[in-house]
C-alpha atoms as a PDB file:
ATOM      1  CA  UNK A   1      73.918  -2.730  -1.233  1.00  0.00           C
ATOM      2  CA  UNK A   2      75.762  -1.111   1.657  1.00  0.00           C
ATOM      3  CA  UNK A   3      77.752  -3.307   4.021  1.00  0.00           C
ATOM      4  CA  UNK A   4      75.712  -1.995   6.993  1.00  0.00           C
ATOM      5  CA  UNK A   5      72.549  -3.394   5.401  1.00  0.00           C
ATOM      6  CA  UNK A   6      73.858  -6.925   5.195  1.00  0.00           C
ATOM      7  CA  UNK A   7      72.559  -9.153   7.955  1.00  0.00           C
ATOM      8  CA  UNK A   8      75.126 -11.517   9.402  1.00  0.00           C
ATOM      9  CA  UNK A   9      73.822 -14.933  10.362  1.00  0.00           C
ATOM     10  CA  UNK A  10      75.501 -17.126  12.932  1.00  0.00           C
ATOM     11  CA  UNK A  11      75.050 -20.393  11.055  1.00  0.00           C
ATOM     12  CA  UNK A  12      75.980 -22.608  14.013  1.00  0.00           C
ATOM     13  CA  UNK A  13      73.321 -20.957  16.164  1.00  0.00           C
ATOM     14  CA  UNK A  14      70.842 -21.093  13.274  1.00  0.00           C
ATOM     15  CA  UNK A  15      71.498 -24.823  12.801  1.00  0.00           C
ATOM     16  CA  UNK A  16      70.969 -25.387  16.533  1.00  0.00           C
ATOM     17  CA  UNK A  17      67.676 -23.458  16.429  1.00  0.00           C
ATOM     18  CA  UNK A  18      66.402 -25.301  13.358  1.00  0.00           C
ATOM     19  CA  UNK A  19      67.311 -28.669  14.872  1.00  0.00           C
ATOM     20  CA  UNK A  20      65.706 -27.771  18.218  1.00  0.00           C
ATOM     21  CA  UNK A  21      62.502 -26.364  16.684  1.00  0.00           C
ATOM     22  CA  UNK A  22      62.112 -29.313  14.331  1.00  0.00           C
ATOM     23  CA  UNK A  23      62.011 -31.491  17.444  1.00  0.00           C
ATOM     24  CA  UNK A  24      59.055 -29.560  18.861  1.00  0.00           C
ATOM     25  CA  UNK A  25      55.592 -31.072  18.500  1.00  0.00           C
ATOM     26  CA  UNK A  26      54.002 -27.714  17.779  1.00  0.00           C
ATOM     27  CA  UNK A  27      56.506 -24.970  16.991  1.00  0.00           C
ATOM     28  CA  UNK A  28      54.988 -21.490  17.054  1.00  0.00           C
ATOM     29  CA  UNK A  29      54.836 -19.253  13.976  1.00  0.00           C
ATOM     30  CA  UNK A  30      58.192 -17.611  14.684  1.00  0.00           C
ATOM     31  CA  UNK A  31      59.880 -20.966  15.163  1.00  0.00           C
ATOM     32  CA  UNK A  32      58.293 -22.326  11.963  1.00  0.00           C
ATOM     33  CA  UNK A  33      59.560 -19.299  10.038  1.00  0.00           C
ATOM     34  CA  UNK A  34      63.068 -19.822  11.411  1.00  0.00           C
ATOM     35  CA  UNK A  35      62.904 -23.454  10.244  1.00  0.00           C
ATOM     36  CA  UNK A  36      61.717 -22.443   6.773  1.00  0.00           C
ATOM     37  CA  UNK A  37      64.262 -19.649   6.337  1.00  0.00           C
ATOM     38  CA  UNK A  38      67.037 -21.653   7.968  1.00  0.00           C
ATOM     39  CA  UNK A  39      66.584 -24.567   5.592  1.00  0.00           C
ATOM     40  CA  UNK A  40      66.312 -22.369   2.512  1.00  0.00           C
ATOM     41  CA  UNK A  41      69.282 -22.978   0.201  1.00  0.00           C
ATOM     42  CA  UNK A  42      69.451 -19.505  -1.335  1.00  0.00           C
ATOM     43  CA  UNK A  43      68.230 -16.779   0.999  1.00  0.00           C
ATOM     44  CA  UNK A  44      67.793 -13.237  -0.205  1.00  0.00           C
ATOM     45  CA  UNK A  45      69.213 -10.356   1.809  1.00  0.00           C
ATOM     46  CA  UNK A  46      65.644  -9.624   2.932  1.00  0.00           C
ATOM     47  CA  UNK A  47      65.333 -13.239   4.138  1.00  0.00           C
ATOM     48  CA  UNK A  48      68.619 -12.856   6.016  1.00  0.00           C
ATOM     49  CA  UNK A  49      67.436  -9.630   7.670  1.00  0.00           C
ATOM     50  CA  UNK A  50      64.205 -11.292   8.785  1.00  0.00           C
ATOM     51  CA  UNK A  51      66.126 -14.319   9.989  1.00  0.00           C
ATOM     52  CA  UNK A  52      68.584 -12.147  11.918  1.00  0.00           C
ATOM     53  CA  UNK A  53      65.712 -10.377  13.711  1.00  0.00           C
ATOM     54  CA  UNK A  54      63.998 -13.681  14.522  1.00  0.00           C
ATOM     55  CA  UNK A  55      67.228 -15.218  15.773  1.00  0.00           C
ATOM     56  CA  UNK A  56      67.908 -12.192  17.951  1.00  0.00           C
ATOM     57  CA  UNK A  57      64.424 -12.546  19.449  1.00  0.00           C
ATOM     58  CA  UNK A  58      65.010 -16.266  20.098  1.00  0.00           C
ATOM     59  CA  UNK A  59      68.354 -15.532  21.749  1.00  0.00           C
ATOM     60  CA  UNK A  60      66.609 -13.008  24.030  1.00  0.00           C
ATOM     61  CA  UNK A  61      63.861 -15.557  24.764  1.00  0.00           C
ATOM     62  CA  UNK A  62      66.542 -18.125  25.669  1.00  0.00           C
ATOM     63  CA  UNK A  63      68.242 -15.592  27.940  1.00  0.00           C
ATOM     64  CA  UNK A  64      64.902 -14.812  29.599  1.00  0.00           C
ATOM     65  CA  UNK A  65      64.172 -18.512  30.140  1.00  0.00           C
ATOM     66  CA  UNK A  66      67.633 -18.996  31.653  1.00  0.00           C
ATOM     67  CA  UNK A  67      67.195 -15.959  33.905  1.00  0.00           C
ATOM     68  CA  UNK A  68      63.810 -17.240  35.069  1.00  0.00           C
ATOM     69  CA  UNK A  69      65.272 -20.678  35.778  1.00  0.00           C
ATOM     70  CA  UNK A  70      68.158 -19.085  37.699  1.00  0.00           C
ATOM     71  CA  UNK A  71      65.697 -16.993  39.726  1.00  0.00           C
ATOM     72  CA  UNK A  72      63.530 -20.076  40.431  1.00  0.00           C
ATOM     73  CA  UNK A  73      66.594 -22.009  41.635  1.00  0.00           C
ATOM     74  CA  UNK A  74      67.590 -19.091  43.881  1.00  0.00           C
ATOM     75  CA  UNK A  75      64.061 -18.793  45.327  1.00  0.00           C
ATOM     76  CA  UNK A  76      63.839 -22.546  45.861  1.00  0.00           C
ATOM     77  CA  UNK A  77      67.234 -22.555  47.586  1.00  0.00           C
ATOM     78  CA  UNK A  78      66.108 -19.739  49.907  1.00  0.00           C
ATOM     79  CA  UNK A  79      62.894 -21.609  50.725  1.00  0.00           C
ATOM     80  CA  UNK A  80      64.838 -24.808  51.397  1.00  0.00           C
ATOM     81  CA  UNK A  81      67.270 -22.924  53.639  1.00  0.00           C
ATOM     82  CA  UNK A  82      64.362 -21.403  55.603  1.00  0.00           C
ATOM     83  CA  UNK A  83      62.624 -24.798  55.869  1.00  0.00           C
ATOM     84  CA  UNK A  84      65.799 -26.449  57.184  1.00  0.00           C
ATOM     85  CA  UNK A  85      66.291 -23.632  59.706  1.00  0.00           C
ATOM     86  CA  UNK A  86      62.700 -24.058  60.928  1.00  0.00           C
ATOM     87  CA  UNK A  87      63.097 -27.840  61.295  1.00  0.00           C
ATOM     88  CA  UNK A  88      66.370 -27.343  63.166  1.00  0.00           C
ATOM     89  CA  UNK A  89      64.761 -24.768  65.477  1.00  0.00           C
ATOM     90  CA  UNK A  90      61.868 -27.141  66.252  1.00  0.00           C
ATOM     91  CA  UNK A  91      64.231 -30.043  66.928  1.00  0.00           C
ATOM     92  CA  UNK A  92      66.308 -27.912  69.284  1.00  0.00           C
ATOM     93  CA  UNK A  93      63.253 -26.731  71.246  1.00  0.00           C
ATOM     94  CA  UNK A  94      61.649 -30.157  71.533  1.00  0.00           C
ATOM     95  CA  UNK A  95      64.965 -31.715  72.528  1.00  0.00           C
ATOM     96  CA  UNK A  96      65.314 -29.058  75.230  1.00  0.00           C
ATOM     97  CA  UNK A  97      61.753 -29.698  76.454  1.00  0.00           C
ATOM     98  CA  UNK A  98      62.339 -33.459  76.566  1.00  0.00           C
ATOM     99  CA  UNK A  99      65.584 -32.945  78.502  1.00  0.00           C
ATOM    100  CA  UNK A 100      63.770 -30.639  80.920  1.00  0.00           C
ATOM    101  CA  UNK A 101      60.998 -33.257  81.289  1.00  0.00           C
ATOM    102  CA  UNK A 102      63.621 -35.902  82.132  1.00  0.00           C
ATOM    103  CA  UNK A 103      64.820 -33.850  85.108  1.00  0.00           C
ATOM    104  CA  UNK A 104      61.499 -32.380  86.341  1.00  0.00           C
ATOM    105  CA  UNK A 105      58.514 -34.620  87.164  1.00  0.00           C
ATOM    106  CA  UNK A 106      55.948 -31.809  86.762  1.00  0.00           C
ATOM    107  CA  UNK A 107      57.432 -30.739  83.408  1.00  0.00           C
ATOM    108  CA  UNK A 108      57.348 -34.393  82.323  1.00  0.00           C
ATOM    109  CA  UNK A 109      53.658 -34.655  83.226  1.00  0.00           C
ATOM    110  CA  UNK A 110      52.783 -31.419  81.376  1.00  0.00           C
ATOM    111  CA  UNK A 111      54.761 -32.472  78.288  1.00  0.00           C
ATOM    112  CA  UNK A 112      53.060 -35.901  78.202  1.00  0.00           C
ATOM    113  CA  UNK A 113      49.633 -34.237  78.566  1.00  0.00           C
ATOM    114  CA  UNK A 114      50.393 -31.860  75.681  1.00  0.00           C
ATOM    115  CA  UNK A 115      51.581 -34.737  73.533  1.00  0.00           C
ATOM    116  CA  UNK A 116      48.440 -36.761  74.319  1.00  0.00           C
ATOM    117  CA  UNK A 117      46.204 -33.796  73.504  1.00  0.00           C
ATOM    118  CA  UNK A 118      48.044 -33.087  70.246  1.00  0.00           C
ATOM    119  CA  UNK A 119      47.629 -36.747  69.297  1.00  0.00           C
ATOM    120  CA  UNK A 120      43.919 -37.036  70.104  1.00  0.00           C
ATOM    121  CA  UNK A 121      42.878 -33.573  68.875  1.00  0.00           C
ATOM    122  CA  UNK A 122      44.152 -34.115  65.320  1.00  0.00           C
ATOM    123  CA  UNK A 123      47.410 -32.173  65.424  1.00  0.00           C
ATOM    124  CA  UNK A 124      49.255 -35.354  64.430  1.00  0.00           C
ATOM    125  CA  UNK A 125      48.398 -36.541  60.915  1.00  0.00           C
ATOM    126  CA  UNK A 126      47.010 -40.036  60.473  1.00  0.00           C
ATOM    127  CA  UNK A 127      50.076 -41.098  58.510  1.00  0.00           C
ATOM    128  CA  UNK A 128      52.346 -39.994  61.403  1.00  0.00           C
ATOM    129  CA  UNK A 129      50.334 -41.481  64.263  1.00  0.00           C
ATOM    130  CA  UNK A 130      52.017 -44.903  64.008  1.00  0.00           C
ATOM    131  CA  UNK A 131      55.426 -43.249  64.323  1.00  0.00           C
ATOM    132  CA  UNK A 132      54.596 -41.407  67.585  1.00  0.00           C
ATOM    133  CA  UNK A 133      51.982 -43.750  69.129  1.00  0.00           C
ATOM    134  CA  UNK A 134      54.502 -45.284  71.535  1.00  0.00           C
ATOM    135  CA  UNK A 135      55.454 -41.830  72.881  1.00  0.00           C
ATOM    136  CA  UNK A 136      52.060 -41.098  74.426  1.00  0.00           C
END
C-alpha cells in the first residue's frame, strides 16, 4: 500500500468525539459509525479511511457550529447596543422635556396632559401603571 493511501487518525480527537457522541441520547448515523469505528480494536485501512472522512466532516460541523455561535453573539451584541442607544435617547429627550416643563407653565400643562392621555389610552402597560401612577 502506498503511503499516500494511508489515512492518519488523530486519536486524541477521535477519543473526544467517541466520548462526546456516547453521551448523546440519540446520536445520528454518522456519529454512531464514528463510535463503532473508534472503539474497534483492529481497524483496517479501509476503516481508517472512512473514519478519517467522518472525522473531517465532524470537524467542519464543529467549525460551522462555532461560526454560527460567533455570528449569533455578534448579532446579539449589535442588537443590545442599538437597544441601549434607543433607551438612552429616550431618557435624554424625556429628561429635557421634564426640565422644560419645570421652567414653562404651558409646557408643564401640555406634558401632564400627554402623560394622562398615554396612561388612560393604554400606552402604558398594566404592569407599569403602578410605577407611573403618581406622575399623572
